[in-house]
PDB file of N, CA and C in Angstrom:
ATOM      1  N   MET A   1       0.771  -1.069  -0.049  1.00  0.00           N
ATOM      2  CA  MET A   1      -0.029  -0.035   0.018  1.00  0.00           C
ATOM      3  C   MET A   1       0.843   1.332   0.093  1.00  0.00           C
ATOM      4  N   ALA A   2       2.002   1.101   0.756  1.00  0.00           N
ATOM      5  CA  ALA A   2       2.843   2.357   0.738  1.00  0.00           C
ATOM      6  C   ALA A   2       3.487   2.599  -0.552  1.00  0.00           C
ATOM      7  N   CYS A   3       3.696   1.538  -1.470  1.00  0.00           N
ATOM      8  CA  CYS A   3       4.095   1.856  -2.661  1.00  0.00           C
ATOM      9  C   CYS A   3       3.174   2.533  -3.666  1.00  0.00           C
ATOM     10  N   VAL A   4       1.889   2.226  -3.472  1.00  0.00           N
ATOM     11  CA  VAL A   4       0.868   2.853  -4.263  1.00  0.00           C
ATOM     12  C   VAL A   4       0.799   4.244  -3.893  1.00  0.00           C
ATOM     13  N   ALA A   5       0.759   4.586  -2.731  1.00  0.00           N
ATOM     14  CA  ALA A   5       0.694   5.965  -2.244  1.00  0.00           C
ATOM     15  C   ALA A   5       1.953   6.774  -2.806  1.00  0.00           C
ATOM     16  N   ALA A   6       3.240   6.125  -2.688  1.00  0.00           N
ATOM     17  CA  ALA A   6       4.340   6.892  -3.138  1.00  0.00           C
ATOM     18  C   ALA A   6       4.307   7.037  -4.702  1.00  0.00           C
ATOM     19  N   LEU A   7       3.711   6.154  -5.356  1.00  0.00           N
ATOM     20  CA  LEU A   7       3.630   6.396  -6.829  1.00  0.00           C
ATOM     21  C   LEU A   7       2.677   7.505  -7.277  1.00  0.00           C
ATOM     22  N   SER A   8       1.557   7.415  -6.522  1.00  0.00           N
ATOM     23  CA  SER A   8       0.552   8.406  -6.832  1.00  0.00           C
ATOM     24  C   SER A   8       0.957   9.852  -6.384  1.00  0.00           C
ATOM     25  N   ALA A   9       1.769   9.953  -5.502  1.00  0.00           N
ATOM     26  CA  ALA A   9       2.267  11.255  -5.000  1.00  0.00           C
ATOM     27  C   ALA A   9       3.337  11.686  -5.843  1.00  0.00           C
ATOM     28  N   CYS A  10       3.941  10.945  -6.693  1.00  0.00           N
ATOM     29  CA  CYS A  10       5.050  11.435  -7.596  1.00  0.00           C
ATOM     30  C   CYS A  10       4.524  11.940  -8.800  1.00  0.00           C
ATOM     31  N   GLY A  11       3.632  11.331  -9.487  1.00  0.00           N
ATOM     32  CA  GLY A  11       3.230  11.933 -10.761  1.00  0.00           C
ATOM     33  C   GLY A  11       1.859  11.902 -10.994  1.00  0.00           C
ATOM     34  N   GLY A  12       1.133  11.926  -9.974  1.00  0.00           N
ATOM     35  CA  GLY A  12      -0.340  11.944 -10.169  1.00  0.00           C
ATOM     36  C   GLY A  12      -0.957  10.705 -10.489  1.00  0.00           C
ATOM     37  N   GLY A  13      -0.224   9.638 -10.255  1.00  0.00           N
ATOM     38  CA  GLY A  13      -0.845   8.351 -10.494  1.00  0.00           C
ATOM     39  C   GLY A  13      -0.595   7.780 -11.892  1.00  0.00           C
ATOM     40  N   GLU A  14      -0.269   8.650 -12.851  1.00  0.00           N
ATOM     41  CA  GLU A  14      -0.120   8.149 -14.276  1.00  0.00           C
ATOM     42  C   GLU A  14       1.482   8.165 -14.674  1.00  0.00           C
ATOM     43  N   ALA A  15       1.817   7.171 -15.281  1.00  0.00           N
ATOM     44  CA  ALA A  15       3.286   7.048 -15.714  1.00  0.00           C
ATOM     45  C   ALA A  15       3.283   7.836 -17.053  1.00  0.00           C
ATOM     46  N   THR A  16       4.339   8.615 -17.224  1.00  0.00           N
ATOM     47  CA  THR A  16       4.506   9.429 -18.443  1.00  0.00           C
ATOM     48  C   THR A  16       5.461   8.538 -19.143  1.00  0.00           C
ATOM     49  N   ARG A  17       5.141   8.566 -20.473  1.00  0.00           N
ATOM     50  CA  ARG A  17       6.100   7.889 -21.401  1.00  0.00           C
ATOM     51  C   ARG A  17       6.575   9.047 -22.441  1.00  0.00           C
ATOM     52  N   SER A  18       7.836   8.866 -22.792  1.00  0.00           N
ATOM     53  CA  SER A  18       8.458   9.837 -23.684  1.00  0.00           C
ATOM     54  C   SER A  18       8.740   8.908 -24.899  1.00  0.00           C
ATOM     55  N   THR A  19       8.296   9.317 -26.073  1.00  0.00           N
ATOM     56  CA  THR A  19       8.651   8.851 -27.423  1.00  0.00           C
ATOM     57  C   THR A  19       9.958   9.223 -27.901  1.00  0.00           C
ATOM     58  N   PRO A  20      10.787   8.297 -28.401  1.00  0.00           N
ATOM     59  CA  PRO A  20      11.992   8.746 -29.004  1.00  0.00           C
ATOM     60  C   PRO A  20      11.794   9.658 -30.234  1.00  0.00           C
ATOM     61  N   PRO A  21      12.626  10.615 -30.442  1.00  0.00           N
ATOM     62  CA  PRO A  21      12.596  11.532 -31.489  1.00  0.00           C
ATOM     63  C   PRO A  21      12.697  10.774 -32.949  1.00  0.00           C
ATOM     64  N   VAL A  22      11.865  11.084 -33.802  1.00  0.00           N
ATOM     65  CA  VAL A  22      11.932  10.567 -35.192  1.00  0.00           C
ATOM     66  C   VAL A  22      12.938  11.471 -36.062  1.00  0.00           C
ATOM     67  N   ALA A  23      13.797  10.927 -36.657  1.00  0.00           N
ATOM     68  CA  ALA A  23      14.850  11.539 -37.583  1.00  0.00           C
ATOM     69  C   ALA A  23      14.003  12.026 -38.861  1.00  0.00           C
ATOM     70  N   THR A  24      14.096  13.299 -39.149  1.00  0.00           N
ATOM     71  CA  THR A  24      13.773  13.660 -40.394  1.00  0.00           C
ATOM     72  C   THR A  24      14.833  14.463 -41.222  1.00  0.00           C
ATOM     73  N   GLY A  25      14.673  14.474 -42.518  1.00  0.00           N
ATOM     74  CA  GLY A  25      15.895  15.142 -43.220  1.00  0.00           C
ATOM     75  C   GLY A  25      16.701  14.032 -43.956  1.00  0.00           C
ATOM     76  N   PRO A  26      17.801  14.535 -44.534  1.00  0.00           N
ATOM     77  CA  PRO A  26      18.575  13.710 -45.360  1.00  0.00           C
ATOM     78  C   PRO A  26      19.414  12.664 -44.464  1.00  0.00           C
ATOM     79  N   ALA A  27      19.779  11.470 -45.090  1.00  0.00           N
ATOM     80  CA  ALA A  27      20.510  10.592 -44.395  1.00  0.00           C
ATOM     81  C   ALA A  27      21.843  11.112 -44.117  1.00  0.00           C
ATOM     82  N   PRO A  28      22.548  10.639 -43.107  1.00  0.00           N
ATOM     83  CA  PRO A  28      23.906  11.011 -42.869  1.00  0.00           C
ATOM     84  C   PRO A  28      24.863  10.817 -43.967  1.00  0.00           C
ATOM     85  N   ALA A  29      25.865  11.575 -44.082  1.00  0.00           N
ATOM     86  CA  ALA A  29      26.863  11.355 -45.264  1.00  0.00           C
ATOM     87  C   ALA A  29      27.520  10.037 -45.063  1.00  0.00           C
ATOM     88  N   ILE A  30      27.695   9.612 -43.854  1.00  0.00           N
ATOM     89  CA  ILE A  30      28.518   8.253 -43.804  1.00  0.00           C
ATOM     90  C   ILE A  30      27.564   7.115 -44.348  1.00  0.00           C
ATOM     91  N   VAL A  31      26.395   7.103 -44.212  1.00  0.00           N
ATOM     92  CA  VAL A  31      25.588   6.062 -44.769  1.00  0.00           C
ATOM     93  C   VAL A  31      25.459   6.136 -46.288  1.00  0.00           C
ATOM     94  N   ALA A  32      25.382   7.385 -46.799  1.00  0.00           N
ATOM     95  CA  ALA A  32      25.453   7.433 -48.203  1.00  0.00           C
ATOM     96  C   ALA A  32      26.683   7.181 -48.892  1.00  0.00           C
ATOM     97  N   ASP A  33      27.773   7.447 -48.179  1.00  0.00           N
ATOM     98  CA  ASP A  33      29.081   7.079 -48.748  1.00  0.00           C
ATOM     99  C   ASP A  33      29.293   5.544 -48.718  1.00  0.00           C
ATOM    100  N   ALA A  34      28.851   4.911 -47.683  1.00  0.00           N
ATOM    101  CA  ALA A  34      28.929   3.464 -47.610  1.00  0.00           C
ATOM    102  C   ALA A  34      28.062   2.747 -48.678  1.00  0.00           C
ATOM    103  N   ALA A  35      26.993   3.314 -49.082  1.00  0.00           N
ATOM    104  CA  ALA A  35      26.116   2.698 -50.128  1.00  0.00           C
ATOM    105  C   ALA A  35      26.823   2.938 -51.486  1.00  0.00           C
ATOM    106  N   ALA A  36      27.482   4.056 -51.699  1.00  0.00           N
ATOM    107  CA  ALA A  36      28.042   4.231 -52.963  1.00  0.00           C
ATOM    108  C   ALA A  36      29.419   3.512 -53.083  1.00  0.00           C
ATOM    109  N   ASN A  37      30.034   3.294 -52.089  1.00  0.00           N
ATOM    110  CA  ASN A  37      31.317   2.595 -52.055  1.00  0.00           C
ATOM    111  C   ASN A  37      31.397   1.372 -51.084  1.00  0.00           C
ATOM    112  N   PRO A  38      30.695   0.322 -51.436  1.00  0.00           N
ATOM    113  CA  PRO A  38      30.660  -0.824 -50.529  1.00  0.00           C
ATOM    114  C   PRO A  38      32.090  -1.359 -50.299  1.00  0.00           C
ATOM    115  N   PRO A  39      32.367  -2.060 -49.263  1.00  0.00           N
ATOM    116  CA  PRO A  39      33.687  -2.762 -49.067  1.00  0.00           C
ATOM    117  C   PRO A  39      34.079  -3.566 -50.125  1.00  0.00           C
ATOM    118  N   VAL A  40      35.424  -3.785 -50.321  1.00  0.00           N
ATOM    119  CA  VAL A  40      35.906  -4.601 -51.398  1.00  0.00           C
ATOM    120  C   VAL A  40      35.343  -5.971 -51.519  1.00  0.00           C
ATOM    121  N   GLY A  41      35.269  -6.659 -50.320  1.00  0.00           N
ATOM    122  CA  GLY A  41      34.787  -8.080 -50.260  1.00  0.00           C
ATOM    123  C   GLY A  41      33.346  -8.205 -50.600  1.00  0.00           C
ATOM    124  N   SER A  42      32.552  -7.094 -50.667  1.00  0.00           N
ATOM    125  CA  SER A  42      31.192  -7.197 -50.781  1.00  0.00           C
ATOM    126  C   SER A  42      30.679  -6.794 -52.229  1.00  0.00           C
ATOM    127  N   ARG A  43      31.649  -6.387 -53.045  1.00  0.00           N
ATOM    128  CA  ARG A  43      31.428  -6.108 -54.476  1.00  0.00           C
ATOM    129  C   ARG A  43      31.156  -7.317 -55.283  1.00  0.00           C
ATOM    130  N   LEU A  44      29.946  -7.616 -55.801  1.00  0.00           N
ATOM    131  CA  LEU A  44      29.640  -8.650 -56.764  1.00  0.00           C
ATOM    132  C   LEU A  44      29.352  -8.032 -58.189  1.00  0.00           C
ATOM    133  N   PRO A  45      29.857  -8.784 -59.137  1.00  0.00           N
ATOM    134  CA  PRO A  45      29.644  -8.398 -60.473  1.00  0.00           C
ATOM    135  C   PRO A  45      28.227  -8.207 -60.847  1.00  0.00           C
ATOM    136  N   THR A  46      27.776  -7.318 -61.495  1.00  0.00           N
ATOM    137  CA  THR A  46      26.424  -7.103 -61.969  1.00  0.00           C
ATOM    138  C   THR A  46      26.061  -8.266 -62.918  1.00  0.00           C
ATOM    139  N   LEU A  47      24.687  -8.570 -62.887  1.00  0.00           N
ATOM    140  CA  LEU A  47      24.191  -9.631 -63.670  1.00  0.00           C
ATOM    141  C   LEU A  47      24.321  -9.475 -65.267  1.00  0.00           C
ATOM    142  N   ASP A  48      24.552  -8.165 -65.636  1.00  0.00           N
ATOM    143  CA  ASP A  48      24.629  -7.853 -67.108  1.00  0.00           C
ATOM    144  C   ASP A  48      25.946  -8.014 -67.621  1.00  0.00           C
ATOM    145  N   THR A  49      27.004  -8.435 -66.833  1.00  0.00           N
ATOM    146  CA  THR A  49      28.426  -8.603 -67.208  1.00  0.00           C
ATOM    147  C   THR A  49      28.508  -9.991 -67.586  1.00  0.00           C
ATOM    148  N   ASP A  50      29.390 -10.310 -68.751  1.00  0.00           N
ATOM    149  CA  ASP A  50      29.678 -11.727 -69.074  1.00  0.00           C
ATOM    150  C   ASP A  50      31.195 -11.978 -68.762  1.00  0.00           C
ATOM    151  N   ILE A  51      31.504 -12.246 -67.583  1.00  0.00           N
ATOM    152  CA  ILE A  51      32.868 -12.312 -67.124  1.00  0.00           C
ATOM    153  C   ILE A  51      33.497 -13.636 -67.672  1.00  0.00           C
ATOM    154  N   CYS A  52      32.492 -14.642 -67.695  1.00  0.00           N
ATOM    155  CA  CYS A  52      33.076 -15.999 -68.116  1.00  0.00           C
ATOM    156  C   CYS A  52      33.136 -16.151 -69.678  1.00  0.00           C
ATOM    157  N   LYS A  53      32.528 -15.118 -70.341  1.00  0.00           N
ATOM    158  CA  LYS A  53      32.482 -15.057 -71.819  1.00  0.00           C
ATOM    159  C   LYS A  53      31.450 -16.233 -72.313  1.00  0.00           C
ATOM    160  N   ALA A  54      30.316 -16.370 -71.581  1.00  0.00           N
ATOM    161  CA  ALA A  54      29.242 -17.388 -72.114  1.00  0.00           C
ATOM    162  C   ALA A  54      28.671 -16.920 -73.327  1.00  0.00           C
ATOM    163  N   GLY A  55      28.604 -15.655 -73.661  1.00  0.00           N
ATOM    164  CA  GLY A  55      27.984 -15.178 -74.795  1.00  0.00           C
ATOM    165  C   GLY A  55      28.727 -15.639 -76.170  1.00  0.00           C
ATOM    166  N   GLU A  56      30.044 -15.895 -75.980  1.00  0.00           N
ATOM    167  CA  GLU A  56      30.803 -16.304 -77.267  1.00  0.00           C
ATOM    168  C   GLU A  56      30.496 -17.714 -77.464  1.00  0.00           C
ATOM    169  N   LEU A  57      30.003 -18.507 -76.560  1.00  0.00           N
ATOM    170  CA  LEU A  57      29.695 -19.974 -76.830  1.00  0.00           C
ATOM    171  C   LEU A  57      28.314 -20.406 -76.842  1.00  0.00           C
ATOM    172  N   GLN A  58      27.355 -19.362 -77.149  1.00  0.00           N
ATOM    173  CA  GLN A  58      25.936 -19.575 -77.169  1.00  0.00           C
ATOM    174  C   GLN A  58      25.624 -20.449 -78.347  1.00  0.00           C
ATOM    175  N   TRP A  59      26.485 -20.383 -79.371  1.00  0.00           N
ATOM    176  CA  TRP A  59      26.287 -21.138 -80.628  1.00  0.00           C
ATOM    177  C   TRP A  59      26.174 -22.537 -80.275  1.00  0.00           C
ATOM    178  N   LEU A  60      26.802 -23.046 -79.249  1.00  0.00           N
ATOM    179  CA  LEU A  60      26.742 -24.391 -79.009  1.00  0.00           C
ATOM    180  C   LEU A  60      25.504 -25.001 -78.550  1.00  0.00           C
ATOM    181  N   VAL A  61      24.406 -24.232 -78.034  1.00  0.00           N
ATOM    182  CA  VAL A  61      23.156 -24.632 -77.614  1.00  0.00           C
ATOM    183  C   VAL A  61      22.448 -25.264 -78.942  1.00  0.00           C
ATOM    184  N   GLY A  62      22.011 -26.559 -78.634  1.00  0.00           N
ATOM    185  CA  GLY A  62      21.357 -27.412 -79.587  1.00  0.00           C
ATOM    186  C   GLY A  62      22.446 -28.281 -80.355  1.00  0.00           C
ATOM    187  N   ARG A  63      23.638 -28.039 -80.199  1.00  0.00           N
ATOM    188  CA  ARG A  63      24.630 -28.980 -80.864  1.00  0.00           C
ATOM    189  C   ARG A  63      25.141 -29.938 -80.102  1.00  0.00           C
ATOM    190  N   SER A  64      25.824 -30.946 -80.645  1.00  0.00           N
ATOM    191  CA  SER A  64      26.318 -31.976 -80.044  1.00  0.00           C
ATOM    192  C   SER A  64      27.531 -31.544 -78.904  1.00  0.00           C
ATOM    193  N   ARG A  65      27.559 -32.329 -77.792  1.00  0.00           N
ATOM    194  CA  ARG A  65      28.671 -31.962 -76.962  1.00  0.00           C
ATOM    195  C   ARG A  65      30.018 -32.194 -77.456  1.00  0.00           C
ATOM    196  N   THR A  66      29.990 -32.976 -78.515  1.00  0.00           N
ATOM    197  CA  THR A  66      31.472 -33.328 -79.080  1.00  0.00           C
ATOM    198  C   THR A  66      31.927 -32.113 -79.813  1.00  0.00           C
ATOM    199  N   GLU A  67      31.085 -31.033 -80.007  1.00  0.00           N
ATOM    200  CA  GLU A  67      31.565 -29.732 -80.710  1.00  0.00           C
ATOM    201  C   GLU A  67      32.057 -28.768 -79.728  1.00  0.00           C
ATOM    202  N   ILE A  68      32.011 -29.113 -78.405  1.00  0.00           N
ATOM    203  CA  ILE A  68      32.618 -28.148 -77.295  1.00  0.00           C
ATOM    204  C   ILE A  68      34.150 -27.897 -77.724  1.00  0.00           C
ATOM    205  N   PRO A  69      34.526 -26.814 -77.900  1.00  0.00           N
ATOM    206  CA  PRO A  69      36.020 -26.577 -78.075  1.00  0.00           C
ATOM    207  C   PRO A  69      36.812 -26.898 -76.753  1.00  0.00           C
ATOM    208  N   VAL A  70      37.931 -27.442 -77.093  1.00  0.00           N
ATOM    209  CA  VAL A  70      38.930 -27.762 -75.943  1.00  0.00           C
ATOM    210  C   VAL A  70      39.318 -26.478 -75.365  1.00  0.00           C
ATOM    211  N   PRO A  71      39.163 -26.290 -74.035  1.00  0.00           N
ATOM    212  CA  PRO A  71      39.518 -25.006 -73.481  1.00  0.00           C
ATOM    213  C   PRO A  71      40.982 -24.847 -73.139  1.00  0.00           C
ATOM    214  N   VAL A  72      41.396 -23.711 -73.128  1.00  0.00           N
ATOM    215  CA  VAL A  72      42.894 -23.188 -72.817  1.00  0.00           C
ATOM    216  C   VAL A  72      42.966 -23.162 -71.311  1.00  0.00           C
ATOM    217  N   ASP A  73      41.856 -22.604 -70.678  1.00  0.00           N
ATOM    218  CA  ASP A  73      41.888 -22.504 -69.278  1.00  0.00           C
ATOM    219  C   ASP A  73      40.820 -23.514 -68.648  1.00  0.00           C
ATOM    220  N   VAL A  74      41.267 -24.771 -68.461  1.00  0.00           N
ATOM    221  CA  VAL A  74      40.486 -25.679 -67.863  1.00  0.00           C
ATOM    222  C   VAL A  74      39.803 -25.550 -66.475  1.00  0.00           C
ATOM    223  N   ILE A  75      40.581 -24.719 -65.718  1.00  0.00           N
ATOM    224  CA  ILE A  75      40.167 -24.407 -64.298  1.00  0.00           C
ATOM    225  C   ILE A  75      38.909 -23.707 -64.262  1.00  0.00           C
ATOM    226  N   ASN A  76      38.620 -22.790 -65.192  1.00  0.00           N
ATOM    227  CA  ASN A  76      37.275 -21.919 -65.218  1.00  0.00           C
ATOM    228  C   ASN A  76      36.301 -22.545 -66.044  1.00  0.00           C
ATOM    229  N   ARG A  77      36.218 -23.825 -66.390  1.00  0.00           N
ATOM    230  CA  ARG A  77      35.155 -24.305 -67.242  1.00  0.00           C
ATOM    231  C   ARG A  77      34.686 -25.575 -66.747  1.00  0.00           C
ATOM    232  N   ARG A  78      33.340 -25.778 -66.768  1.00  0.00           N
ATOM    233  CA  ARG A  78      32.812 -27.011 -66.340  1.00  0.00           C
ATOM    234  C   ARG A  78      31.819 -27.513 -67.315  1.00  0.00           C
ATOM    235  N   VAL A  79      31.951 -28.735 -67.806  1.00  0.00           N
ATOM    236  CA  VAL A  79      31.031 -29.375 -68.615  1.00  0.00           C
ATOM    237  C   VAL A  79      30.449 -30.436 -67.902  1.00  0.00           C
ATOM    238  N   ALA A  80      29.064 -30.515 -67.841  1.00  0.00           N
ATOM    239  CA  ALA A  80      28.338 -31.536 -67.119  1.00  0.00           C
ATOM    240  C   ALA A  80      26.866 -31.768 -67.682  1.00  0.00           C
ATOM    241  N   CYS A  81      26.357 -32.908 -67.456  1.00  0.00           N
ATOM    242  CA  CYS A  81      25.036 -33.174 -68.039  1.00  0.00           C
ATOM    243  C   CYS A  81      24.013 -32.299 -67.072  1.00  0.00           C
ATOM    244  N   THR A  82      22.997 -32.286 -67.471  1.00  0.00           N
ATOM    245  CA  THR A  82      21.815 -31.613 -66.712  1.00  0.00           C
ATOM    246  C   THR A  82      21.395 -32.254 -65.568  1.00  0.00           C
ATOM    247  N   THR A  83      21.715 -33.656 -65.416  1.00  0.00           N
ATOM    248  CA  THR A  83      21.117 -34.321 -64.289  1.00  0.00           C
ATOM    249  C   THR A  83      22.261 -34.749 -63.508  1.00  0.00           C
ATOM    250  N   CYS A  84      23.562 -34.460 -63.815  1.00  0.00           N
ATOM    251  CA  CYS A  84      24.776 -34.679 -63.030  1.00  0.00           C
ATOM    252  C   CYS A  84      24.927 -33.917 -61.820  1.00  0.00           C
ATOM    253  N   PRO A  85      25.328 -34.395 -60.665  1.00  0.00           N
ATOM    254  CA  PRO A  85      25.697 -33.677 -59.693  1.00  0.00           C
ATOM    255  C   PRO A  85      26.785 -32.703 -59.714  1.00  0.00           C
ATOM    256  N   VAL A  86      26.774 -31.414 -59.412  1.00  0.00           N
ATOM    257  CA  VAL A  86      27.735 -30.420 -59.551  1.00  0.00           C
ATOM    258  C   VAL A  86      27.650 -29.703 -58.141  1.00  0.00           C
ATOM    259  N   THR A  87      28.853 -29.037 -57.941  1.00  0.00           N
ATOM    260  CA  THR A  87      28.904 -28.250 -56.771  1.00  0.00           C
ATOM    261  C   THR A  87      27.937 -27.020 -56.932  1.00  0.00           C
ATOM    262  N   GLU A  88      27.430 -26.410 -55.855  1.00  0.00           N
ATOM    263  CA  GLU A  88      26.621 -25.385 -55.903  1.00  0.00           C
ATOM    264  C   GLU A  88      27.086 -23.989 -55.677  1.00  0.00           C
ATOM    265  N   ASP A  89      28.453 -23.988 -55.429  1.00  0.00           N
ATOM    266  CA  ASP A  89      29.082 -22.666 -55.224  1.00  0.00           C
ATOM    267  C   ASP A  89      29.018 -21.824 -56.606  1.00  0.00           C
ATOM    268  N   TYR A  90      29.123 -20.613 -56.386  1.00  0.00           N
ATOM    269  CA  TYR A  90      28.791 -19.712 -57.589  1.00  0.00           C
ATOM    270  C   TYR A  90      30.166 -18.963 -57.771  1.00  0.00           C
ATOM    271  N   SER A  91      30.773 -18.968 -59.018  1.00  0.00           N
ATOM    272  CA  SER A  91      31.749 -18.288 -59.512  1.00  0.00           C
ATOM    273  C   SER A  91      31.446 -17.589 -60.828  1.00  0.00           C
ATOM    274  N   PRO A  92      31.444 -16.399 -60.803  1.00  0.00           N
ATOM    275  CA  PRO A  92      30.985 -15.525 -62.169  1.00  0.00           C
ATOM    276  C   PRO A  92      32.072 -15.746 -63.155  1.00  0.00           C
ATOM    277  N   TYR A  93      33.372 -16.339 -62.786  1.00  0.00           N
ATOM    278  CA  TYR A  93      34.466 -16.575 -63.801  1.00  0.00           C
ATOM    279  C   TYR A  93      34.279 -17.911 -64.397  1.00  0.00           C
ATOM    280  N   ARG A  94      33.465 -18.935 -63.853  1.00  0.00           N
ATOM    281  CA  ARG A  94      33.419 -20.151 -64.410  1.00  0.00           C
ATOM    282  C   ARG A  94      32.328 -20.288 -65.490  1.00  0.00           C
ATOM    283  N   LEU A  95      32.775 -20.842 -66.658  1.00  0.00           N
ATOM    284  CA  LEU A  95      31.938 -21.052 -67.707  1.00  0.00           C
ATOM    285  C   LEU A  95      31.341 -22.556 -67.452  1.00  0.00           C
ATOM    286  N   ASN A  96      29.904 -22.489 -67.393  1.00  0.00           N
ATOM    287  CA  ASN A  96      29.261 -23.768 -67.259  1.00  0.00           C
ATOM    288  C   ASN A  96      28.602 -24.185 -68.760  1.00  0.00           C
ATOM    289  N   ILE A  97      28.878 -25.355 -69.053  1.00  0.00           N
ATOM    290  CA  ILE A  97      28.278 -25.920 -70.192  1.00  0.00           C
ATOM    291  C   ILE A  97      27.480 -27.074 -69.887  1.00  0.00           C
ATOM    292  N   PHE A  98      26.113 -27.066 -70.031  1.00  0.00           N
ATOM    293  CA  PHE A  98      25.291 -28.279 -69.731  1.00  0.00           C
ATOM    294  C   PHE A  98      24.783 -29.003 -70.915  1.00  0.00           C
ATOM    295  N   TYR A  99      24.711 -30.238 -70.800  1.00  0.00           N
ATOM    296  CA  TYR A  99      24.247 -31.045 -72.046  1.00  0.00           C
ATOM    297  C   TYR A  99      23.269 -32.000 -71.446  1.00  0.00           C
ATOM    298  N   ASP A 100      22.259 -32.540 -72.378  1.00  0.00           N
ATOM    299  CA  ASP A 100      21.410 -33.506 -72.065  1.00  0.00           C
ATOM    300  C   ASP A 100      22.018 -34.851 -72.074  1.00  0.00           C
ATOM    301  N   GLN A 101      21.942 -35.628 -71.066  1.00  0.00           N
ATOM    302  CA  GLN A 101      22.774 -36.940 -71.031  1.00  0.00           C
ATOM    303  C   GLN A 101      22.267 -37.937 -72.034  1.00  0.00           C
ATOM    304  N   GLN A 102      21.045 -37.932 -72.241  1.00  0.00           N
ATOM    305  CA  GLN A 102      20.425 -38.944 -73.273  1.00  0.00           C
ATOM    306  C   GLN A 102      20.696 -38.563 -74.754  1.00  0.00           C
ATOM    307  N   THR A 103      20.652 -37.304 -75.135  1.00  0.00           N
ATOM    308  CA  THR A 103      20.833 -36.957 -76.398  1.00  0.00           C
ATOM    309  C   THR A 103      22.243 -36.383 -76.710  1.00  0.00           C
ATOM    310  N   GLY A 104      22.998 -35.958 -75.655  1.00  0.00           N
ATOM    311  CA  GLY A 104      24.192 -35.416 -75.800  1.00  0.00           C
ATOM    312  C   GLY A 104      24.264 -34.018 -76.412  1.00  0.00           C
ATOM    313  N   LEU A 105      23.120 -33.164 -76.533  1.00  0.00           N
ATOM    314  CA  LEU A 105      23.062 -31.972 -77.071  1.00  0.00           C
ATOM    315  C   LEU A 105      23.113 -31.045 -75.897  1.00  0.00           C
ATOM    316  N   VAL A 106      23.840 -29.915 -76.201  1.00  0.00           N
ATOM    317  CA  VAL A 106      24.143 -28.817 -75.278  1.00  0.00           C
ATOM    318  C   VAL A 106      22.772 -28.007 -75.038  1.00  0.00           C
ATOM    319  N   THR A 107      22.398 -27.899 -73.900  1.00  0.00           N
ATOM    320  CA  THR A 107      21.147 -27.268 -73.540  1.00  0.00           C
ATOM    321  C   THR A 107      21.296 -25.777 -72.944  1.00  0.00           C
ATOM    322  N   GLU A 108      22.564 -25.620 -72.234  1.00  0.00           N
ATOM    323  CA  GLU A 108      22.718 -24.364 -71.659  1.00  0.00           C
ATOM    324  C   GLU A 108      24.178 -23.951 -71.583  1.00  0.00           C
ATOM    325  N   VAL A 109      24.397 -22.615 -71.824  1.00  0.00           N
ATOM    326  CA  VAL A 109      25.886 -22.182 -71.584  1.00  0.00           C
ATOM    327  C   VAL A 109      25.717 -20.893 -70.768  1.00  0.00           C
ATOM    328  N   ARG A 110      26.325 -21.014 -69.594  1.00  0.00           N
ATOM    329  CA  ARG A 110      26.195 -19.644 -68.606  1.00  0.00           C
ATOM    330  C   ARG A 110      27.188 -19.632 -67.629  1.00  0.00           C
ATOM    331  N   CYS A 111      27.399 -18.351 -67.033  1.00  0.00           N
ATOM    332  CA  CYS A 111      28.430 -18.269 -66.048  1.00  0.00           C
ATOM    333  C   CYS A 111      27.933 -18.800 -64.753  1.00  0.00           C
ATOM    334  N   GLY A 112      28.775 -19.214 -63.839  1.00  0.00           N
ATOM    335  CA  GLY A 112      28.461 -19.609 -62.545  1.00  0.00           C
ATOM    336  C   GLY A 112      29.241 -20.739 -62.068  1.00  0.00           C
TER     337      GLY A 112
END
């Protein structure tokens, strides 16, 4: 009971709540600068770039996999059937050439 009397004596019995101020106006320069210049490790290539040069081999789609040219840089090229297991890591520098296992025809050429 003493607590109730003490509380009602301090503020008239009602607790007052203060709302935090809402920021208005332009964003701080630090945030704007971070958006314009992301850290080096977070920069990903844009989707419209063809880093792996998949565009140069689009002519393979619909042709036999035996027509796939022998690569100079075998590290950044993967040839696999569409139902074969492959790693799911993404590398914009890797050229993927997928073919249908039954027909042997190339179905897709893309980066990744």
